[in-house]
Protein backbone atom coordinates (compact mmCIF):
# COMPACT_ATOMS: atom_id res chain seq x y z
CA UNK A 1 0.00 0.00 0.00
CA UNK A 2 1.35 3.36 -0.94
CA UNK A 3 0.20 6.62 0.63
CA UNK A 4 0.91 9.82 -1.22
CA UNK A 5 0.27 13.30 0.06
CA UNK A 6 1.85 16.56 -0.95
CA UNK A 7 1.25 18.70 2.10
CA UNK A 8 -2.52 18.39 2.48
CA UNK A 9 -2.38 18.52 6.26
CA UNK A 10 -0.38 21.75 6.17
CA UNK A 11 -2.84 23.66 4.00
CA UNK A 12 -6.24 23.86 5.67
CA UNK A 13 -7.40 26.76 3.48
CA UNK A 14 -7.71 24.68 0.30
CA UNK A 15 -11.02 23.21 -0.78
CA UNK A 16 -12.00 20.69 -3.42
CA UNK A 17 -15.17 20.19 -5.42
CA UNK A 18 -16.12 16.51 -5.01
CA UNK A 19 -18.06 16.59 -8.29
CA UNK A 20 -14.85 17.61 -10.09
CA UNK A 21 -12.91 14.90 -8.23
CA UNK A 22 -15.51 12.27 -9.13
CA UNK A 23 -15.47 13.44 -12.77
CA UNK A 24 -11.66 13.20 -12.95
CA UNK A 25 -11.77 9.79 -11.22
CA UNK A 26 -14.31 8.62 -13.79
CA UNK A 27 -12.01 9.84 -16.58
CA UNK A 28 -8.93 8.15 -15.12
CA UNK A 29 -10.81 4.94 -14.25
CA UNK A 30 -11.83 4.55 -17.89
CA UNK A 31 -8.33 5.41 -19.15
CA UNK A 32 -6.75 2.92 -16.74
CA UNK A 33 -9.18 0.25 -17.93
CA UNK A 34 -8.29 1.00 -21.55
CA UNK A 35 -4.60 0.72 -20.64
CA UNK A 36 -5.11 -2.63 -18.87
CA UNK A 37 -7.04 -3.96 -21.88
CA UNK A 38 -4.35 -2.74 -24.31
CA UNK A 39 -1.52 -4.27 -22.25
CA UNK A 40 -3.43 -7.55 -22.16
CA UNK A 41 -4.13 -7.56 -25.91
CA UNK A 42 -0.47 -6.87 -26.71
CA UNK A 43 0.69 -9.42 -24.13
CA UNK A 44 2.81 -6.86 -22.26
CA UNK A 45 2.03 -8.26 -18.81
CA UNK A 46 4.57 -9.51 -16.31
CA UNK A 47 3.44 -11.17 -13.08
CA UNK A 48 5.16 -10.70 -9.71
CA UNK A 49 4.36 -11.86 -6.17
CA UNK A 50 3.83 -9.49 -3.21
CA UNK A 51 3.49 -12.48 -0.94
CA UNK A 52 2.19 -16.03 -1.03
CA UNK A 53 -0.66 -16.27 -3.56
CA UNK A 54 -0.80 -12.46 -3.83
CA UNK A 55 0.22 -11.49 -7.37
CA UNK A 56 0.58 -8.09 -8.94
CA UNK A 57 1.35 -7.27 -12.54
CA UNK A 58 2.80 -4.58 -14.74
CA UNK A 59 -0.84 -3.69 -15.50
CA UNK A 60 -1.47 -2.98 -11.79
CA UNK A 61 1.54 -0.68 -11.67
CA UNK A 62 0.87 1.17 -14.93
CA UNK A 63 -2.83 1.63 -14.14
CA UNK A 64 -2.03 3.04 -10.68
CA UNK A 65 0.63 5.34 -12.16
CA UNK A 66 -1.93 6.66 -14.67
CA UNK A 67 -4.65 7.25 -12.05
CA UNK A 68 -2.41 8.55 -9.28
CA UNK A 69 -0.27 10.71 -11.57
CA UNK A 70 -3.35 12.19 -13.22
CA UNK A 71 -5.18 12.91 -9.98
CA UNK A 72 -2.08 14.57 -8.50
CA UNK A 73 -1.61 16.66 -11.65
CA UNK A 74 -5.29 17.73 -11.50
CA UNK A 75 -5.43 18.14 -7.69
CA UNK A 76 -1.80 18.66 -6.55
CA UNK A 77 -2.36 18.38 -2.78
CA UNK A 78 -4.72 15.41 -2.85
CA UNK A 79 -4.08 12.58 -0.35
CA UNK A 80 -4.02 9.24 -2.20
CA UNK A 81 -3.73 5.70 -0.89
CA UNK A 82 -2.89 3.21 -3.62
CA UNK A 83 -2.79 -0.55 -3.36
CA UNK A 84 0.56 -0.86 -5.09
CA UNK A 85 3.69 0.42 -3.37
CA UNK A 86 5.06 2.67 -6.09
CA UNK A 87 6.89 6.00 -6.09
CA UNK A 88 4.82 9.13 -6.63
CA UNK A 89 4.40 9.40 -10.42
CA UNK A 90 6.17 12.51 -11.70
CA UNK A 91 4.11 12.82 -14.85
CA UNK A 92 0.39 12.82 -15.25
CA UNK A 93 -2.23 14.34 -17.47
CA UNK A 94 -5.03 16.60 -16.34
CA UNK A 95 -8.33 14.84 -15.75
CA UNK A 96 -11.64 15.91 -17.24
CA UNK A 97 -13.29 17.59 -14.26
CA UNK A 98 -16.40 18.49 -16.31
CA UNK A 99 -17.61 14.98 -17.25
CA UNK A 100 -20.59 15.08 -14.88
CA UNK A 101 -21.21 18.83 -15.09
CA UNK A 102 -24.41 18.53 -17.16
CA UNK A 103 -25.86 15.62 -15.21
CA UNK A 104 -28.76 17.09 -13.19
CA UNK A 105 -28.46 14.40 -10.49
CA UNK A 106 -24.96 15.44 -9.48
CA UNK A 107 -24.29 18.73 -7.70
CA UNK A 108 -21.19 20.59 -6.61
CA UNK A 109 -20.04 19.67 -3.11
CA UNK A 110 -17.17 21.76 -1.74
CA UNK A 111 -15.18 20.34 1.19
CA UNK A 112 -11.78 21.04 2.77
CA UNK A 113 -9.09 19.29 0.75
CA UNK A 114 -7.44 18.12 3.97
CA UNK A 115 -10.56 16.03 4.73
CA UNK A 116 -10.37 14.05 1.48
CA UNK A 117 -8.61 10.76 0.77
CA UNK A 118 -8.76 8.85 -2.51
CA UNK A 119 -8.26 5.08 -2.46
CA UNK A 120 -7.07 3.31 -5.61
CA UNK A 121 -7.17 -0.38 -6.45
CA UNK A 122 -5.88 -0.16 -10.01
CA UNK A 123 -6.64 -3.77 -10.91
CA UNK A 124 -8.93 -5.55 -8.48
CA UNK A 125 -9.01 -9.35 -8.89
CA UNK A 126 -5.39 -9.55 -9.99
CA UNK A 127 -5.21 -13.28 -9.34
CA UNK A 128 -8.24 -13.86 -11.57
CA UNK A 129 -6.62 -11.56 -14.14
CA UNK A 130 -3.43 -13.66 -14.16
CA UNK A 131 -5.59 -16.77 -14.70
CA UNK A 132 -7.32 -15.18 -17.71
CA UNK A 133 -10.66 -14.58 -15.96
CA UNK A 134 -10.84 -11.03 -17.29
CA UNK A 135 -14.54 -10.42 -16.67
CA UNK A 136 -13.76 -10.31 -12.91
CA UNK A 137 -11.28 -7.43 -13.26
CA UNK A 138 -12.20 -4.01 -11.88
CA UNK A 139 -10.54 -0.61 -11.64
CA UNK A 140 -11.68 0.87 -8.31
CA UNK A 141 -11.39 4.46 -7.14
CA UNK A 142 -12.99 5.41 -3.82
CA UNK A 143 -13.37 8.89 -2.39
CA UNK A 144 -13.68 9.44 1.37
CA UNK A 145 -14.31 12.59 3.37
CA UNK A 146 -13.25 12.38 7.02
CA UNK A 147 -12.78 8.62 6.55
CA UNK A 148 -16.35 8.11 5.32
CA UNK A 149 -16.94 6.78 1.78
CA UNK A 150 -18.83 9.40 -0.20
CA UNK A 151 -18.14 8.65 -3.89
CA UNK A 152 -16.54 6.14 -6.17
CA UNK A 153 -15.93 4.70 -9.59
CA UNK A 154 -16.04 1.06 -10.67
CA UNK A 155 -14.76 0.33 -14.17
CA UNK A 156 -14.92 -3.12 -15.77
CA UNK A 157 -12.37 -3.00 -18.62
CA UNK A 158 -13.28 -6.36 -20.14
CA UNK A 159 -17.09 -6.16 -20.01
CA UNK A 160 -18.86 -4.66 -23.03
CA UNK A 161 -15.63 -3.04 -24.21
CA UNK A 162 -15.40 -1.18 -20.90
CA UNK A 163 -18.27 -0.46 -18.55
CA UNK A 164 -18.34 2.12 -15.76
CA UNK A 165 -20.54 2.81 -12.75
CA UNK A 166 -20.08 5.85 -10.49
CA UNK A 167 -21.80 7.20 -7.43
CA UNK A 168 -21.80 10.11 -5.00
CA UNK A 169 -23.79 10.32 -1.78
CA UNK A 170 -26.49 11.66 -1.63
CA UNK A 171 -26.80 12.40 -5.36
CA UNK A 172 -27.11 8.83 -6.59
CA UNK A 173 -25.31 6.91 -9.26
CA UNK A 174 -24.81 6.71 -12.97
CA UNK A 175 -23.53 4.32 -15.57
CA UNK A 176 -22.54 4.34 -19.19
CA UNK A 177 -23.73 0.82 -20.07
CA UNK A 178 -25.67 -0.60 -17.12
CA UNK A 179 -29.42 -0.34 -16.71
CA UNK A 180 -30.06 1.07 -13.26
CA UNK A 181 -33.53 1.56 -11.81
CA UNK A 182 -34.27 5.27 -12.38
CA UNK A 183 -36.88 5.24 -9.59
CA UNK A 184 -34.47 4.19 -6.85
CA UNK A 185 -34.12 6.75 -4.07
CA UNK A 186 -30.57 8.23 -4.51
CA UNK A 187 -30.30 8.97 -0.79
CA UNK A 188 -30.22 5.19 -0.23
CA UNK A 189 -27.01 4.79 -2.22
CA UNK A 190 -24.53 2.56 -0.44
CA UNK A 191 -20.82 2.79 -1.23
C-alpha atoms as a PDB file:
ATOM      1  CA  UNK A   1       0.000   0.000   0.000  1.00  0.00           C
ATOM      2  CA  UNK A   2       1.354   3.365  -0.940  1.00  0.00           C
ATOM      3  CA  UNK A   3       0.203   6.616   0.628  1.00  0.00           C
ATOM      4  CA  UNK A   4       0.913   9.823  -1.217  1.00  0.00           C
ATOM      5  CA  UNK A   5       0.274  13.305   0.065  1.00  0.00           C
ATOM      6  CA  UNK A   6       1.848  16.555  -0.947  1.00  0.00           C
ATOM      7  CA  UNK A   7       1.250  18.696   2.096  1.00  0.00           C
ATOM      8  CA  UNK A   8      -2.517  18.390   2.483  1.00  0.00           C
ATOM      9  CA  UNK A   9      -2.384  18.516   6.263  1.00  0.00           C
ATOM     10  CA  UNK A  10      -0.382  21.754   6.169  1.00  0.00           C
ATOM     11  CA  UNK A  11      -2.839  23.661   4.003  1.00  0.00           C
ATOM     12  CA  UNK A  12      -6.242  23.861   5.671  1.00  0.00           C
ATOM     13  CA  UNK A  13      -7.396  26.762   3.476  1.00  0.00           C
ATOM     14  CA  UNK A  14      -7.712  24.677   0.300  1.00  0.00           C
ATOM     15  CA  UNK A  15     -11.024  23.210  -0.779  1.00  0.00           C
ATOM     16  CA  UNK A  16     -12.005  20.695  -3.420  1.00  0.00           C
ATOM     17  CA  UNK A  17     -15.166  20.187  -5.420  1.00  0.00           C
ATOM     18  CA  UNK A  18     -16.124  16.514  -5.012  1.00  0.00           C
ATOM     19  CA  UNK A  19     -18.057  16.587  -8.294  1.00  0.00           C
ATOM     20  CA  UNK A  20     -14.851  17.609 -10.087  1.00  0.00           C
ATOM     21  CA  UNK A  21     -12.908  14.902  -8.229  1.00  0.00           C
ATOM     22  CA  UNK A  22     -15.509  12.271  -9.132  1.00  0.00           C
ATOM     23  CA  UNK A  23     -15.467  13.435 -12.771  1.00  0.00           C
ATOM     24  CA  UNK A  24     -11.662  13.200 -12.953  1.00  0.00           C
ATOM     25  CA  UNK A  25     -11.770   9.789 -11.216  1.00  0.00           C
ATOM     26  CA  UNK A  26     -14.311   8.615 -13.792  1.00  0.00           C
ATOM     27  CA  UNK A  27     -12.013   9.845 -16.577  1.00  0.00           C
ATOM     28  CA  UNK A  28      -8.929   8.147 -15.121  1.00  0.00           C
ATOM     29  CA  UNK A  29     -10.814   4.937 -14.246  1.00  0.00           C
ATOM     30  CA  UNK A  30     -11.828   4.549 -17.887  1.00  0.00           C
ATOM     31  CA  UNK A  31      -8.334   5.414 -19.146  1.00  0.00           C
ATOM     32  CA  UNK A  32      -6.751   2.921 -16.737  1.00  0.00           C
ATOM     33  CA  UNK A  33      -9.178   0.248 -17.927  1.00  0.00           C
ATOM     34  CA  UNK A  34      -8.290   1.000 -21.549  1.00  0.00           C
ATOM     35  CA  UNK A  35      -4.603   0.725 -20.639  1.00  0.00           C
ATOM     36  CA  UNK A  36      -5.106  -2.627 -18.874  1.00  0.00           C
ATOM     37  CA  UNK A  37      -7.042  -3.956 -21.876  1.00  0.00           C
ATOM     38  CA  UNK A  38      -4.350  -2.736 -24.310  1.00  0.00           C
ATOM     39  CA  UNK A  39      -1.520  -4.272 -22.248  1.00  0.00           C
ATOM     40  CA  UNK A  40      -3.434  -7.554 -22.165  1.00  0.00           C
ATOM     41  CA  UNK A  41      -4.132  -7.556 -25.910  1.00  0.00           C
ATOM     42  CA  UNK A  42      -0.467  -6.872 -26.708  1.00  0.00           C
ATOM     43  CA  UNK A  43       0.686  -9.423 -24.127  1.00  0.00           C
ATOM     44  CA  UNK A  44       2.812  -6.861 -22.258  1.00  0.00           C
ATOM     45  CA  UNK A  45       2.026  -8.263 -18.812  1.00  0.00           C
ATOM     46  CA  UNK A  46       4.570  -9.512 -16.311  1.00  0.00           C
ATOM     47  CA  UNK A  47       3.438 -11.168 -13.084  1.00  0.00           C
ATOM     48  CA  UNK A  48       5.156 -10.698  -9.709  1.00  0.00           C
ATOM     49  CA  UNK A  49       4.359 -11.858  -6.173  1.00  0.00           C
ATOM     50  CA  UNK A  50       3.826  -9.492  -3.210  1.00  0.00           C
ATOM     51  CA  UNK A  51       3.493 -12.478  -0.943  1.00  0.00           C
ATOM     52  CA  UNK A  52       2.192 -16.033  -1.033  1.00  0.00           C
ATOM     53  CA  UNK A  53      -0.656 -16.268  -3.557  1.00  0.00           C
ATOM     54  CA  UNK A  54      -0.802 -12.459  -3.830  1.00  0.00           C
ATOM     55  CA  UNK A  55       0.217 -11.492  -7.365  1.00  0.00           C
ATOM     56  CA  UNK A  56       0.576  -8.092  -8.940  1.00  0.00           C
ATOM     57  CA  UNK A  57       1.354  -7.271 -12.537  1.00  0.00           C
ATOM     58  CA  UNK A  58       2.801  -4.578 -14.740  1.00  0.00           C
ATOM     59  CA  UNK A  59      -0.837  -3.691 -15.505  1.00  0.00           C
ATOM     60  CA  UNK A  60      -1.471  -2.979 -11.791  1.00  0.00           C
ATOM     61  CA  UNK A  61       1.542  -0.677 -11.665  1.00  0.00           C
ATOM     62  CA  UNK A  62       0.875   1.174 -14.931  1.00  0.00           C
ATOM     63  CA  UNK A  63      -2.825   1.633 -14.138  1.00  0.00           C
ATOM     64  CA  UNK A  64      -2.034   3.040 -10.683  1.00  0.00           C
ATOM     65  CA  UNK A  65       0.626   5.344 -12.159  1.00  0.00           C
ATOM     66  CA  UNK A  66      -1.928   6.657 -14.668  1.00  0.00           C
ATOM     67  CA  UNK A  67      -4.651   7.254 -12.050  1.00  0.00           C
ATOM     68  CA  UNK A  68      -2.412   8.551  -9.277  1.00  0.00           C
ATOM     69  CA  UNK A  69      -0.269  10.706 -11.569  1.00  0.00           C
ATOM     70  CA  UNK A  70      -3.352  12.186 -13.215  1.00  0.00           C
ATOM     71  CA  UNK A  71      -5.176  12.907  -9.979  1.00  0.00           C
ATOM     72  CA  UNK A  72      -2.075  14.572  -8.503  1.00  0.00           C
ATOM     73  CA  UNK A  73      -1.615  16.661 -11.653  1.00  0.00           C
ATOM     74  CA  UNK A  74      -5.288  17.725 -11.500  1.00  0.00           C
ATOM     75  CA  UNK A  75      -5.429  18.144  -7.695  1.00  0.00           C
ATOM     76  CA  UNK A  76      -1.803  18.661  -6.546  1.00  0.00           C
ATOM     77  CA  UNK A  77      -2.359  18.379  -2.781  1.00  0.00           C
ATOM     78  CA  UNK A  78      -4.717  15.414  -2.846  1.00  0.00           C
ATOM     79  CA  UNK A  79      -4.083  12.580  -0.346  1.00  0.00           C
ATOM     80  CA  UNK A  80      -4.016   9.244  -2.197  1.00  0.00           C
ATOM     81  CA  UNK A  81      -3.726   5.700  -0.887  1.00  0.00           C
ATOM     82  CA  UNK A  82      -2.885   3.208  -3.616  1.00  0.00           C
ATOM     83  CA  UNK A  83      -2.789  -0.548  -3.357  1.00  0.00           C
ATOM     84  CA  UNK A  84       0.563  -0.864  -5.091  1.00  0.00           C
ATOM     85  CA  UNK A  85       3.688   0.420  -3.368  1.00  0.00           C
ATOM     86  CA  UNK A  86       5.063   2.672  -6.093  1.00  0.00           C
ATOM     87  CA  UNK A  87       6.891   6.003  -6.089  1.00  0.00           C
ATOM     88  CA  UNK A  88       4.817   9.128  -6.633  1.00  0.00           C
ATOM     89  CA  UNK A  89       4.396   9.399 -10.416  1.00  0.00           C
ATOM     90  CA  UNK A  90       6.171  12.505 -11.700  1.00  0.00           C
ATOM     91  CA  UNK A  91       4.106  12.820 -14.851  1.00  0.00           C
ATOM     92  CA  UNK A  92       0.389  12.821 -15.255  1.00  0.00           C
ATOM     93  CA  UNK A  93      -2.229  14.337 -17.473  1.00  0.00           C
ATOM     94  CA  UNK A  94      -5.029  16.601 -16.340  1.00  0.00           C
ATOM     95  CA  UNK A  95      -8.330  14.841 -15.747  1.00  0.00           C
ATOM     96  CA  UNK A  96     -11.640  15.906 -17.238  1.00  0.00           C
ATOM     97  CA  UNK A  97     -13.295  17.593 -14.255  1.00  0.00           C
ATOM     98  CA  UNK A  98     -16.398  18.490 -16.308  1.00  0.00           C
ATOM     99  CA  UNK A  99     -17.610  14.979 -17.247  1.00  0.00           C
ATOM    100  CA  UNK A 100     -20.585  15.081 -14.881  1.00  0.00           C
ATOM    101  CA  UNK A 101     -21.210  18.825 -15.090  1.00  0.00           C
ATOM    102  CA  UNK A 102     -24.413  18.530 -17.157  1.00  0.00           C
ATOM    103  CA  UNK A 103     -25.864  15.615 -15.208  1.00  0.00           C
ATOM    104  CA  UNK A 104     -28.761  17.089 -13.192  1.00  0.00           C
ATOM    105  CA  UNK A 105     -28.464  14.397 -10.487  1.00  0.00           C
ATOM    106  CA  UNK A 106     -24.964  15.435  -9.479  1.00  0.00           C
ATOM    107  CA  UNK A 107     -24.286  18.729  -7.704  1.00  0.00           C
ATOM    108  CA  UNK A 108     -21.185  20.587  -6.612  1.00  0.00           C
ATOM    109  CA  UNK A 109     -20.041  19.671  -3.111  1.00  0.00           C
ATOM    110  CA  UNK A 110     -17.174  21.756  -1.739  1.00  0.00           C
ATOM    111  CA  UNK A 111     -15.177  20.339   1.187  1.00  0.00           C
ATOM    112  CA  UNK A 112     -11.780  21.038   2.769  1.00  0.00           C
ATOM    113  CA  UNK A 113      -9.091  19.289   0.748  1.00  0.00           C
ATOM    114  CA  UNK A 114      -7.437  18.118   3.968  1.00  0.00           C
ATOM    115  CA  UNK A 115     -10.563  16.030   4.735  1.00  0.00           C
ATOM    116  CA  UNK A 116     -10.370  14.045   1.475  1.00  0.00           C
ATOM    117  CA  UNK A 117      -8.605  10.761   0.769  1.00  0.00           C
ATOM    118  CA  UNK A 118      -8.763   8.846  -2.507  1.00  0.00           C
ATOM    119  CA  UNK A 119      -8.257   5.075  -2.459  1.00  0.00           C
ATOM    120  CA  UNK A 120      -7.067   3.308  -5.607  1.00  0.00           C
ATOM    121  CA  UNK A 121      -7.172  -0.376  -6.446  1.00  0.00           C
ATOM    122  CA  UNK A 122      -5.876  -0.159 -10.010  1.00  0.00           C
ATOM    123  CA  UNK A 123      -6.643  -3.767 -10.910  1.00  0.00           C
ATOM    124  CA  UNK A 124      -8.930  -5.546  -8.485  1.00  0.00           C
ATOM    125  CA  UNK A 125      -9.009  -9.353  -8.887  1.00  0.00           C
ATOM    126  CA  UNK A 126      -5.388  -9.546  -9.991  1.00  0.00           C
ATOM    127  CA  UNK A 127      -5.207 -13.282  -9.343  1.00  0.00           C
ATOM    128  CA  UNK A 128      -8.243 -13.860 -11.569  1.00  0.00           C
ATOM    129  CA  UNK A 129      -6.622 -11.560 -14.140  1.00  0.00           C
ATOM    130  CA  UNK A 130      -3.435 -13.664 -14.157  1.00  0.00           C
ATOM    131  CA  UNK A 131      -5.588 -16.766 -14.701  1.00  0.00           C
ATOM    132  CA  UNK A 132      -7.323 -15.184 -17.706  1.00  0.00           C
ATOM    133  CA  UNK A 133     -10.662 -14.577 -15.962  1.00  0.00           C
ATOM    134  CA  UNK A 134     -10.840 -11.029 -17.287  1.00  0.00           C
ATOM    135  CA  UNK A 135     -14.542 -10.422 -16.670  1.00  0.00           C
ATOM    136  CA  UNK A 136     -13.760 -10.307 -12.905  1.00  0.00           C
ATOM    137  CA  UNK A 137     -11.281  -7.431 -13.256  1.00  0.00           C
ATOM    138  CA  UNK A 138     -12.204  -4.007 -11.880  1.00  0.00           C
ATOM    139  CA  UNK A 139     -10.540  -0.614 -11.635  1.00  0.00           C
ATOM    140  CA  UNK A 140     -11.681   0.871  -8.311  1.00  0.00           C
ATOM    141  CA  UNK A 141     -11.395   4.457  -7.143  1.00  0.00           C
ATOM    142  CA  UNK A 142     -12.986   5.408  -3.824  1.00  0.00           C
ATOM    143  CA  UNK A 143     -13.368   8.889  -2.385  1.00  0.00           C
ATOM    144  CA  UNK A 144     -13.682   9.443   1.366  1.00  0.00           C
ATOM    145  CA  UNK A 145     -14.311  12.589   3.372  1.00  0.00           C
ATOM    146  CA  UNK A 146     -13.248  12.384   7.015  1.00  0.00           C
ATOM    147  CA  UNK A 147     -12.779   8.619   6.551  1.00  0.00           C
ATOM    148  CA  UNK A 148     -16.353   8.108   5.318  1.00  0.00           C
ATOM    149  CA  UNK A 149     -16.942   6.780   1.783  1.00  0.00           C
ATOM    150  CA  UNK A 150     -18.834   9.397  -0.204  1.00  0.00           C
ATOM    151  CA  UNK A 151     -18.136   8.652  -3.892  1.00  0.00           C
ATOM    152  CA  UNK A 152     -16.537   6.145  -6.173  1.00  0.00           C
ATOM    153  CA  UNK A 153     -15.927   4.700  -9.594  1.00  0.00           C
ATOM    154  CA  UNK A 154     -16.037   1.059 -10.675  1.00  0.00           C
ATOM    155  CA  UNK A 155     -14.759   0.325 -14.168  1.00  0.00           C
ATOM    156  CA  UNK A 156     -14.918  -3.118 -15.773  1.00  0.00           C
ATOM    157  CA  UNK A 157     -12.373  -2.998 -18.620  1.00  0.00           C
ATOM    158  CA  UNK A 158     -13.276  -6.364 -20.142  1.00  0.00           C
ATOM    159  CA  UNK A 159     -17.089  -6.158 -20.009  1.00  0.00           C
ATOM    160  CA  UNK A 160     -18.858  -4.658 -23.032  1.00  0.00           C
ATOM    161  CA  UNK A 161     -15.626  -3.035 -24.209  1.00  0.00           C
ATOM    162  CA  UNK A 162     -15.403  -1.176 -20.904  1.00  0.00           C
ATOM    163  CA  UNK A 163     -18.274  -0.458 -18.552  1.00  0.00           C
ATOM    164  CA  UNK A 164     -18.342   2.118 -15.757  1.00  0.00           C
ATOM    165  CA  UNK A 165     -20.542   2.808 -12.751  1.00  0.00           C
ATOM    166  CA  UNK A 166     -20.082   5.848 -10.494  1.00  0.00           C
ATOM    167  CA  UNK A 167     -21.803   7.203  -7.426  1.00  0.00           C
ATOM    168  CA  UNK A 168     -21.801  10.108  -5.000  1.00  0.00           C
ATOM    169  CA  UNK A 169     -23.786  10.324  -1.777  1.00  0.00           C
ATOM    170  CA  UNK A 170     -26.493  11.656  -1.629  1.00  0.00           C
ATOM    171  CA  UNK A 171     -26.800  12.397  -5.357  1.00  0.00           C
ATOM    172  CA  UNK A 172     -27.106   8.826  -6.589  1.00  0.00           C
ATOM    173  CA  UNK A 173     -25.306   6.914  -9.262  1.00  0.00           C
ATOM    174  CA  UNK A 174     -24.805   6.706 -12.972  1.00  0.00           C
ATOM    175  CA  UNK A 175     -23.527   4.319 -15.572  1.00  0.00           C
ATOM    176  CA  UNK A 176     -22.543   4.340 -19.190  1.00  0.00           C
ATOM    177  CA  UNK A 177     -23.732   0.820 -20.070  1.00  0.00           C
ATOM    178  CA  UNK A 178     -25.674  -0.603 -17.118  1.00  0.00           C
ATOM    179  CA  UNK A 179     -29.422  -0.339 -16.709  1.00  0.00           C
ATOM    180  CA  UNK A 180     -30.065   1.073 -13.262  1.00  0.00           C
ATOM    181  CA  UNK A 181     -33.530   1.559 -11.806  1.00  0.00           C
ATOM    182  CA  UNK A 182     -34.266   5.267 -12.378  1.00  0.00           C
ATOM    183  CA  UNK A 183     -36.875   5.242  -9.588  1.00  0.00           C
ATOM    184  CA  UNK A 184     -34.467   4.185  -6.850  1.00  0.00           C
ATOM    185  CA  UNK A 185     -34.117   6.745  -4.075  1.00  0.00           C
ATOM    186  CA  UNK A 186     -30.574   8.233  -4.512  1.00  0.00           C
ATOM    187  CA  UNK A 187     -30.297   8.967  -0.795  1.00  0.00           C
ATOM    188  CA  UNK A 188     -30.216   5.193  -0.233  1.00  0.00           C
ATOM    189  CA  UNK A 189     -27.011   4.794  -2.216  1.00  0.00           C
ATOM    190  CA  UNK A 190     -24.527   2.557  -0.444  1.00  0.00           C
ATOM    191  CA  UNK A 191     -20.817   2.786  -1.226  1.00  0.00           C
END
